[in-house]
Amino acid sequence: MNALAYFGMPGGSEVILILFIILLLFGAKKLPELSRSLGKSLGEFKKGKEDLERELRDVQDDLHKAAAEPEVEEVAPPAGGEEPKKDEPA
């Protein structure tokens, strides 16, 4: 079974207790620095996620365009590897 099913999500008093423990561990001077770095990390994560989604949309659009366009077959050169000679008037 899932462990969260037994305990549930933390409520208001549990969150306050966790924040108090963090304050004790890191101190009041380090908390703004920690929150600033956490905010930057989240911003970078969102930026990376948006870039990936944009890339996937571009690839999907390219695939749809390629599927809609008819294929053009190229004519292969002669098997001998030489180009055919043109008859020159004498």
PDB file of N, CA and C in Angstrom:
ATOM      1  N   MET A   1       0.833  -1.192   0.000  1.00  0.00           N
ATOM      2  CA  MET A   1       0.000   0.000   0.000  1.00  0.00           C
ATOM      3  C   MET A   1       0.871   1.246   0.000  1.00  0.00           C
ATOM      4  N   ASN A   2       0.257   2.333  -0.339  1.00  0.00           N
ATOM      5  CA  ASN A   2       0.946   3.614  -0.387  1.00  0.00           C
ATOM      6  C   ASN A   2       1.119   4.168   1.036  1.00  0.00           C
ATOM      7  N   ALA A   3       2.324   4.610   1.348  1.00  0.00           N
ATOM      8  CA  ALA A   3       2.612   5.129   2.687  1.00  0.00           C
ATOM      9  C   ALA A   3       1.843   6.413   2.971  1.00  0.00           C
ATOM     10  N   LEU A   4       1.575   7.216   1.935  1.00  0.00           N
ATOM     11  CA  LEU A   4       0.827   8.457   2.149  1.00  0.00           C
ATOM     12  C   LEU A   4      -0.626   8.177   2.527  1.00  0.00           C
ATOM     13  N   ALA A   5      -1.123   7.022   2.165  1.00  0.00           N
ATOM     14  CA  ALA A   5      -2.496   6.687   2.523  1.00  0.00           C
ATOM     15  C   ALA A   5      -2.638   6.565   4.039  1.00  0.00           C
ATOM     16  N   TYR A   6      -1.583   6.134   4.714  1.00  0.00           N
ATOM     17  CA  TYR A   6      -1.628   6.016   6.168  1.00  0.00           C
ATOM     18  C   TYR A   6      -1.499   7.368   6.859  1.00  0.00           C
ATOM     19  N   PHE A   7      -0.640   8.207   6.334  1.00  0.00           N
ATOM     20  CA  PHE A   7      -0.335   9.461   7.031  1.00  0.00           C
ATOM     21  C   PHE A   7      -1.066  10.662   6.459  1.00  0.00           C
ATOM     22  N   GLY A   8      -1.362  10.676   5.186  1.00  0.00           N
ATOM     23  CA  GLY A   8      -2.029  11.803   4.564  1.00  0.00           C
ATOM     24  C   GLY A   8      -1.063  12.954   4.317  1.00  0.00           C
ATOM     25  N   MET A   9      -1.548  14.003   3.726  1.00  0.00           N
ATOM     26  CA  MET A   9      -0.733  15.183   3.448  1.00  0.00           C
ATOM     27  C   MET A   9      -0.615  16.013   4.734  1.00  0.00           C
ATOM     28  N   PRO A  10       0.521  16.703   4.899  1.00  0.00           N
ATOM     29  CA  PRO A  10       0.697  17.496   6.126  1.00  0.00           C
ATOM     30  C   PRO A  10      -0.290  18.667   6.171  1.00  0.00           C
ATOM     31  N   GLY A  11      -0.818  18.909   7.351  1.00  0.00           N
ATOM     32  CA  GLY A  11      -1.742  20.013   7.554  1.00  0.00           C
ATOM     33  C   GLY A  11      -1.013  21.285   7.938  1.00  0.00           C
ATOM     34  N   GLY A  12      -1.752  22.267   8.403  1.00  0.00           N
ATOM     35  CA  GLY A  12      -1.178  23.566   8.756  1.00  0.00           C
ATOM     36  C   GLY A  12      -0.165  23.496   9.884  1.00  0.00           C
ATOM     37  N   SER A  13      -0.496  22.754  10.943  1.00  0.00           N
ATOM     38  CA  SER A  13       0.427  22.688  12.079  1.00  0.00           C
ATOM     39  C   SER A  13       1.696  21.924  11.722  1.00  0.00           C
ATOM     40  N   GLU A  14       1.582  20.897  10.878  1.00  0.00           N
ATOM     41  CA  GLU A  14       2.771  20.151  10.461  1.00  0.00           C
ATOM     42  C   GLU A  14       3.685  21.011   9.601  1.00  0.00           C
ATOM     43  N   VAL A  15       3.108  21.819   8.735  1.00  0.00           N
ATOM     44  CA  VAL A  15       3.902  22.704   7.883  1.00  0.00           C
ATOM     45  C   VAL A  15       4.647  23.728   8.733  1.00  0.00           C
ATOM     46  N   ILE A  16       3.968  24.288   9.733  1.00  0.00           N
ATOM     47  CA  ILE A  16       4.607  25.257  10.628  1.00  0.00           C
ATOM     48  C   ILE A  16       5.753  24.593  11.397  1.00  0.00           C
ATOM     49  N   LEU A  17       5.552  23.358  11.838  1.00  0.00           N
ATOM     50  CA  LEU A  17       6.602  22.629  12.541  1.00  0.00           C
ATOM     51  C   LEU A  17       7.804  22.379  11.620  1.00  0.00           C
ATOM     52  N   ILE A  18       7.557  22.001  10.397  1.00  0.00           N
ATOM     53  CA  ILE A  18       8.645  21.768   9.435  1.00  0.00           C
ATOM     54  C   ILE A  18       9.406  23.065   9.170  1.00  0.00           C
ATOM     55  N   LEU A  19       8.688  24.182   8.994  1.00  0.00           N
ATOM     56  CA  LEU A  19       9.351  25.470   8.778  1.00  0.00           C
ATOM     57  C   LEU A  19      10.179  25.884   9.986  1.00  0.00           C
ATOM     58  N   PHE A  20       9.677  25.601  11.181  1.00  0.00           N
ATOM     59  CA  PHE A  20      10.427  25.913  12.403  1.00  0.00           C
ATOM     60  C   PHE A  20      11.719  25.098  12.487  1.00  0.00           C
ATOM     61  N   ILE A  21      11.648  23.833  12.124  1.00  0.00           N
ATOM     62  CA  ILE A  21      12.841  22.980  12.138  1.00  0.00           C
ATOM     63  C   ILE A  21      13.861  23.480  11.108  1.00  0.00           C
ATOM     64  N   ILE A  22      13.386  23.877   9.943  1.00  0.00           N
ATOM     65  CA  ILE A  22      14.283  24.422   8.920  1.00  0.00           C
ATOM     66  C   ILE A  22      14.943  25.702   9.432  1.00  0.00           C
ATOM     67  N   LEU A  23      14.168  26.548  10.092  1.00  0.00           N
ATOM     68  CA  LEU A  23      14.718  27.783  10.667  1.00  0.00           C
ATOM     69  C   LEU A  23      15.802  27.471  11.693  1.00  0.00           C
ATOM     70  N   LEU A  24      15.574  26.462  12.517  1.00  0.00           N
ATOM     71  CA  LEU A  24      16.581  26.083  13.507  1.00  0.00           C
ATOM     72  C   LEU A  24      17.847  25.521  12.861  1.00  0.00           C
ATOM     73  N   LEU A  25      17.666  24.729  11.812  1.00  0.00           N
ATOM     74  CA  LEU A  25      18.822  24.101  11.164  1.00  0.00           C
ATOM     75  C   LEU A  25      19.691  25.101  10.408  1.00  0.00           C
ATOM     76  N   PHE A  26      19.057  25.988   9.657  1.00  0.00           N
ATOM     77  CA  PHE A  26      19.820  26.873   8.772  1.00  0.00           C
ATOM     78  C   PHE A  26      20.020  28.280   9.322  1.00  0.00           C
ATOM     79  N   GLY A  27      19.203  28.709  10.229  1.00  0.00           N
ATOM     80  CA  GLY A  27      19.343  30.047  10.789  1.00  0.00           C
ATOM     81  C   GLY A  27      18.588  31.078   9.962  1.00  0.00           C
ATOM     82  N   ALA A  28      18.303  32.214  10.599  1.00  0.00           N
ATOM     83  CA  ALA A  28      17.503  33.252   9.955  1.00  0.00           C
ATOM     84  C   ALA A  28      18.250  33.936   8.810  1.00  0.00           C
ATOM     85  N   LYS A  29      19.578  33.977   8.879  1.00  0.00           N
ATOM     86  CA  LYS A  29      20.340  34.661   7.835  1.00  0.00           C
ATOM     87  C   LYS A  29      20.404  33.847   6.551  1.00  0.00           C
ATOM     88  N   LYS A  30      20.357  32.535   6.665  1.00  0.00           N
ATOM     89  CA  LYS A  30      20.478  31.674   5.486  1.00  0.00           C
ATOM     90  C   LYS A  30      19.150  31.470   4.767  1.00  0.00           C
ATOM     91  N   LEU A  31      18.026  31.669   5.447  1.00  0.00           N
ATOM     92  CA  LEU A  31      16.721  31.393   4.822  1.00  0.00           C
ATOM     93  C   LEU A  31      16.451  32.230   3.578  1.00  0.00           C
ATOM     94  N   PRO A  32      16.702  33.552   3.570  1.00  0.00           N
ATOM     95  CA  PRO A  32      16.464  34.299   2.328  1.00  0.00           C
ATOM     96  C   PRO A  32      17.339  33.801   1.174  1.00  0.00           C
ATOM     97  N   GLU A  33      18.569  33.438   1.494  1.00  0.00           N
ATOM     98  CA  GLU A  33      19.473  32.916   0.458  1.00  0.00           C
ATOM     99  C   GLU A  33      18.961  31.582  -0.078  1.00  0.00           C
ATOM    100  N   LEU A  34      18.494  30.719   0.819  1.00  0.00           N
ATOM    101  CA  LEU A  34      17.957  29.423   0.401  1.00  0.00           C
ATOM    102  C   LEU A  34      16.703  29.592  -0.456  1.00  0.00           C
ATOM    103  N   SER A  35      15.812  30.483  -0.045  1.00  0.00           N
ATOM    104  CA  SER A  35      14.581  30.692  -0.815  1.00  0.00           C
ATOM    105  C   SER A  35      14.879  31.329  -2.173  1.00  0.00           C
ATOM    106  N   ARG A  36      15.874  32.213  -2.224  1.00  0.00           N
ATOM    107  CA  ARG A  36      16.261  32.835  -3.485  1.00  0.00           C
ATOM    108  C   ARG A  36      16.807  31.781  -4.453  1.00  0.00           C
ATOM    109  N   SER A  37      17.669  30.909  -3.952  1.00  0.00           N
ATOM    110  CA  SER A  37      18.232  29.871  -4.822  1.00  0.00           C
ATOM    111  C   SER A  37      17.163  28.868  -5.239  1.00  0.00           C
ATOM    112  N   LEU A  38      16.214  28.587  -4.356  1.00  0.00           N
ATOM    113  CA  LEU A  38      15.113  27.702  -4.715  1.00  0.00           C
ATOM    114  C   LEU A  38      14.253  28.335  -5.802  1.00  0.00           C
ATOM    115  N   GLY A  39      13.995  29.634  -5.691  1.00  0.00           N
ATOM    116  CA  GLY A  39      13.224  30.332  -6.720  1.00  0.00           C
ATOM    117  C   GLY A  39      13.929  30.324  -8.065  1.00  0.00           C
ATOM    118  N   LYS A  40      15.238  30.542  -8.062  1.00  0.00           N
ATOM    119  CA  LYS A  40      16.007  30.497  -9.312  1.00  0.00           C
ATOM    120  C   LYS A  40      15.963  29.104  -9.919  1.00  0.00           C
ATOM    121  N   SER A  41      16.077  28.089  -9.081  1.00  0.00           N
ATOM    122  CA  SER A  41      16.040  26.714  -9.572  1.00  0.00           C
ATOM    123  C   SER A  41      14.695  26.394 -10.210  1.00  0.00           C
ATOM    124  N   LEU A  42      13.626  26.822  -9.558  1.00  0.00           N
ATOM    125  CA  LEU A  42      12.295  26.585 -10.121  1.00  0.00           C
ATOM    126  C   LEU A  42      12.115  27.334 -11.440  1.00  0.00           C
ATOM    127  N   GLY A  43      12.648  28.552 -11.514  1.00  0.00           N
ATOM    128  CA  GLY A  43      12.569  29.317 -12.758  1.00  0.00           C
ATOM    129  C   GLY A  43      13.311  28.634 -13.887  1.00  0.00           C
ATOM    130  N   GLU A  44      14.501  28.116 -13.598  1.00  0.00           N
ATOM    131  CA  GLU A  44      15.272  27.392 -14.613  1.00  0.00           C
ATOM    132  C   GLU A  44      14.547  26.124 -15.042  1.00  0.00           C
ATOM    133  N   PHE A  45      13.940  25.437 -14.090  1.00  0.00           N
ATOM    134  CA  PHE A  45      13.202  24.215 -14.409  1.00  0.00           C
ATOM    135  C   PHE A  45      12.033  24.526 -15.335  1.00  0.00           C
ATOM    136  N   LYS A  46      11.275  25.585 -15.026  1.00  0.00           N
ATOM    137  CA  LYS A  46      10.143  25.966 -15.876  1.00  0.00           C
ATOM    138  C   LYS A  46      10.609  26.375 -17.268  1.00  0.00           C
ATOM    139  N   LYS A  47      11.721  27.088 -17.338  1.00  0.00           N
ATOM    140  CA  LYS A  47      12.264  27.515 -18.627  1.00  0.00           C
ATOM    141  C   LYS A  47      12.667  26.303 -19.465  1.00  0.00           C
ATOM    142  N   GLY A  48      13.336  25.343 -18.836  1.00  0.00           N
ATOM    143  CA  GLY A  48      13.725  24.125 -19.537  1.00  0.00           C
ATOM    144  C   GLY A  48      12.519  23.328 -20.007  1.00  0.00           C
ATOM    145  N   LYS A  49      11.491  23.277 -19.176  1.00  0.00           N
ATOM    146  CA  LYS A  49      10.269  22.561 -19.526  1.00  0.00           C
ATOM    147  C   LYS A  49       9.593  23.218 -20.726  1.00  0.00           C
ATOM    148  N   GLU A  50       9.520  24.549 -20.727  1.00  0.00           N
ATOM    149  CA  GLU A  50       8.908  25.259 -21.846  1.00  0.00           C
ATOM    150  C   GLU A  50       9.718  25.069 -23.131  1.00  0.00           C
ATOM    151  N   ASP A  51      11.044  25.082 -23.023  1.00  0.00           N
ATOM    152  CA  ASP A  51      11.889  24.848 -24.196  1.00  0.00           C
ATOM    153  C   ASP A  51      11.657  23.449 -24.764  1.00  0.00           C
ATOM    154  N   LEU A  52      11.553  22.462 -23.894  1.00  0.00           N
ATOM    155  CA  LEU A  52      11.318  21.095 -24.340  1.00  0.00           C
ATOM    156  C   LEU A  52       9.953  20.969 -25.005  1.00  0.00           C
ATOM    157  N   GLU A  53       8.933  21.577 -24.426  1.00  0.00           N
ATOM    158  CA  GLU A  53       7.601  21.531 -25.021  1.00  0.00           C
ATOM    159  C   GLU A  53       7.594  22.212 -26.390  1.00  0.00           C
ATOM    160  N   ARG A  54       8.293  23.341 -26.514  1.00  0.00           N
ATOM    161  CA  ARG A  54       8.369  24.039 -27.796  1.00  0.00           C
ATOM    162  C   ARG A  54       9.070  23.175 -28.844  1.00  0.00           C
ATOM    163  N   GLU A  55      10.151  22.513 -28.436  1.00  0.00           N
ATOM    164  CA  GLU A  55      10.900  21.632 -29.336  1.00  0.00           C
ATOM    165  C   GLU A  55      10.016  20.488 -29.813  1.00  0.00           C
ATOM    166  N   LEU A  56       9.254  19.889 -28.888  1.00  0.00           N
ATOM    167  CA  LEU A  56       8.367  18.790 -29.255  1.00  0.00           C
ATOM    168  C   LEU A  56       7.279  19.254 -30.216  1.00  0.00           C
ATOM    169  N   ARG A  57       6.725  20.448 -29.982  1.00  0.00           N
ATOM    170  CA  ARG A  57       5.713  20.979 -30.903  1.00  0.00           C
ATOM    171  C   ARG A  57       6.298  21.209 -32.285  1.00  0.00           C
ATOM    172  N   ASP A  58       7.542  21.733 -32.353  1.00  0.00           N
ATOM    173  CA  ASP A  58       8.187  21.971 -33.638  1.00  0.00           C
ATOM    174  C   ASP A  58       8.401  20.667 -34.393  1.00  0.00           C
ATOM    175  N   VAL A  59       8.857  19.640 -33.694  1.00  0.00           N
ATOM    176  CA  VAL A  59       9.078  18.340 -34.335  1.00  0.00           C
ATOM    177  C   VAL A  59       7.751  17.761 -34.814  1.00  0.00           C
ATOM    178  N   GLN A  60       6.718  17.898 -33.994  1.00  0.00           N
ATOM    179  CA  GLN A  60       5.406  17.383 -34.370  1.00  0.00           C
ATOM    180  C   GLN A  60       4.880  18.121 -35.605  1.00  0.00           C
ATOM    181  N   ASP A  61       5.051  19.436 -35.655  1.00  0.00           N
ATOM    182  CA  ASP A  61       4.619  20.205 -36.826  1.00  0.00           C
ATOM    183  C   ASP A  61       5.390  19.784 -38.069  1.00  0.00           C
ATOM    184  N   ASP A  62       6.704  19.564 -37.925  1.00  0.00           N
ATOM    185  CA  ASP A  62       7.510  19.114 -39.059  1.00  0.00           C
ATOM    186  C   ASP A  62       7.041  17.755 -39.560  1.00  0.00           C
ATOM    187  N   LEU A  63       6.698  16.854 -38.636  1.00  0.00           N
ATOM    188  CA  LEU A  63       6.217  15.537 -39.039  1.00  0.00           C
ATOM    189  C   LEU A  63       4.888  15.628 -39.764  1.00  0.00           C
ATOM    190  N   HIS A  64       3.994  16.514 -39.308  1.00  0.00           N
ATOM    191  CA  HIS A  64       2.709  16.689 -39.976  1.00  0.00           C
ATOM    192  C   HIS A  64       2.903  17.264 -41.374  1.00  0.00           C
ATOM    193  N   LYS A  65       3.827  18.211 -41.509  1.00  0.00           N
ATOM    194  CA  LYS A  65       4.107  18.792 -42.824  1.00  0.00           C
ATOM    195  C   LYS A  65       4.705  17.754 -43.759  1.00  0.00           C
ATOM    196  N   ALA A  66       5.627  16.933 -43.246  1.00  0.00           N
ATOM    197  CA  ALA A  66       6.258  15.909 -44.068  1.00  0.00           C
ATOM    198  C   ALA A  66       5.243  14.853 -44.499  1.00  0.00           C
ATOM    199  N   ALA A  67       4.283  14.542 -43.644  1.00  0.00           N
ATOM    200  CA  ALA A  67       3.268  13.554 -43.989  1.00  0.00           C
ATOM    201  C   ALA A  67       2.294  14.103 -45.028  1.00  0.00           C
ATOM    202  N   ALA A  68       2.089  15.408 -45.030  1.00  0.00           N
ATOM    203  CA  ALA A  68       1.142  16.016 -45.963  1.00  0.00           C
ATOM    204  C   ALA A  68       1.741  16.217 -47.351  1.00  0.00           C
ATOM    205  N   GLU A  69       3.069  16.357 -47.432  1.00  0.00           N
ATOM    206  CA  GLU A  69       3.719  16.580 -48.715  1.00  0.00           C
ATOM    207  C   GLU A  69       3.905  15.248 -49.443  1.00  0.00           C
ATOM    208  N   PRO A  70       3.661  15.232 -50.770  1.00  0.00           N
ATOM    209  CA  PRO A  70       3.894  13.994 -51.523  1.00  0.00           C
ATOM    210  C   PRO A  70       5.390  13.750 -51.679  1.00  0.00           C
ATOM    211  N   GLU A  71       5.749  12.468 -51.720  1.00  0.00           N
ATOM    212  CA  GLU A  71       7.160  12.124 -51.873  1.00  0.00           C
ATOM    213  C   GLU A  71       7.551  12.210 -53.341  1.00  0.00           C
ATOM    214  N   VAL A  72       8.738  12.728 -53.609  1.00  0.00           N
ATOM    215  CA  VAL A  72       9.262  12.825 -54.961  1.00  0.00           C
ATOM    216  C   VAL A  72      10.395  11.819 -55.076  1.00  0.00           C
ATOM    217  N   GLU A  73      10.271  10.918 -56.078  1.00  0.00           N
ATOM    218  CA  GLU A  73      11.312   9.910 -56.257  1.00  0.00           C
ATOM    219  C   GLU A  73      12.405  10.467 -57.135  1.00  0.00           C
ATOM    220  N   GLU A  74      13.641  10.187 -56.750  1.00  0.00           N
ATOM    221  CA  GLU A  74      14.774  10.630 -57.553  1.00  0.00           C
ATOM    222  C   GLU A  74      15.116   9.557 -58.565  1.00  0.00           C
ATOM    223  N   VAL A  75      15.560   9.988 -59.748  1.00  0.00           N
ATOM    224  CA  VAL A  75      15.943   9.055 -60.788  1.00  0.00           C
ATOM    225  C   VAL A  75      17.390   8.665 -60.548  1.00  0.00           C
ATOM    226  N   ALA A  76      17.651   7.350 -60.484  1.00  0.00           N
ATOM    227  CA  ALA A  76      18.997   6.852 -60.221  1.00  0.00           C
ATOM    228  C   ALA A  76      19.846   6.937 -61.486  1.00  0.00           C
ATOM    229  N   PRO A  77      21.150   7.186 -61.366  1.00  0.00           N
ATOM    230  CA  PRO A  77      22.027   7.197 -62.537  1.00  0.00           C
ATOM    231  C   PRO A  77      22.158   5.791 -63.107  1.00  0.00           C
ATOM    232  N   PRO A  78      22.655   5.674 -64.344  1.00  0.00           N
ATOM    233  CA  PRO A  78      22.806   4.340 -64.946  1.00  0.00           C
ATOM    234  C   PRO A  78      23.703   3.452 -64.081  1.00  0.00           C
ATOM    235  N   ALA A  79      23.535   2.151 -64.236  1.00  0.00           N
ATOM    236  CA  ALA A  79      24.238   1.187 -63.394  1.00  0.00           C
ATOM    237  C   ALA A  79      25.742   1.207 -63.614  1.00  0.00           C
ATOM    238  N   GLY A  80      26.220   1.591 -64.791  1.00  0.00           N
ATOM    239  CA  GLY A  80      27.645   1.586 -65.076  1.00  0.00           C
ATOM    240  C   GLY A  80      28.385   2.687 -64.363  1.00  0.00           C
ATOM    241  N   GLY A  81      27.704   3.640 -63.842  1.00  0.00           N
ATOM    242  CA  GLY A  81      28.341   4.728 -63.136  1.00  0.00           C
ATOM    243  C   GLY A  81      28.769   5.860 -64.054  1.00  0.00           C
ATOM    244  N   GLU A  82      28.647   5.669 -65.358  1.00  0.00           N
ATOM    245  CA  GLU A  82      29.027   6.718 -66.307  1.00  0.00           C
ATOM    246  C   GLU A  82      27.777   7.409 -66.811  1.00  0.00           C
ATOM    247  N   GLU A  83      27.937   8.674 -67.119  1.00  0.00           N
ATOM    248  CA  GLU A  83      26.820   9.397 -67.691  1.00  0.00           C
ATOM    249  C   GLU A  83      26.704   9.021 -69.168  1.00  0.00           C
ATOM    250  N   PRO A  84      25.497   8.932 -69.674  1.00  0.00           N
ATOM    251  CA  PRO A  84      25.341   8.597 -71.103  1.00  0.00           C
ATOM    252  C   PRO A  84      25.897   9.718 -71.970  1.00  0.00           C
ATOM    253  N   LYS A  85      26.552   9.328 -73.088  1.00  0.00           N
ATOM    254  CA  LYS A  85      27.155  10.302 -74.001  1.00  0.00           C
ATOM    255  C   LYS A  85      26.101  10.795 -74.971  1.00  0.00           C
ATOM    256  N   LYS A  86      26.177  12.074 -75.280  1.00  0.00           N
ATOM    257  CA  LYS A  86      25.244  12.667 -76.242  1.00  0.00           C
ATOM    258  C   LYS A  86      25.859  12.541 -77.638  1.00  0.00           C
ATOM    259  N   ASP A  87      25.019  12.276 -78.591  1.00  0.00           N
ATOM    260  CA  ASP A  87      25.500  12.199 -79.962  1.00  0.00           C
ATOM    261  C   ASP A  87      25.785  13.583 -80.492  1.00  0.00           C
ATOM    262  N   GLU A  88      27.022  13.768 -80.954  1.00  0.00           N
ATOM    263  CA  GLU A  88      27.395  15.057 -81.500  1.00  0.00           C
ATOM    264  C   GLU A  88      27.311  14.975 -83.022  1.00  0.00           C
ATOM    265  N   PRO A  89      26.757  16.033 -83.644  1.00  0.00           N
ATOM    266  CA  PRO A  89      26.717  15.998 -85.109  1.00  0.00           C
ATOM    267  C   PRO A  89      28.137  16.147 -85.671  1.00  0.00           C
ATOM    268  N   ALA A  90      28.381  15.399 -86.741  1.00  0.00           N
ATOM    269  CA  ALA A  90      29.710  15.424 -87.326  1.00  0.00           C
ATOM    270  C   ALA A  90      29.899  16.456 -88.372  1.00  0.00           C
TER     271      ALA A  90
END
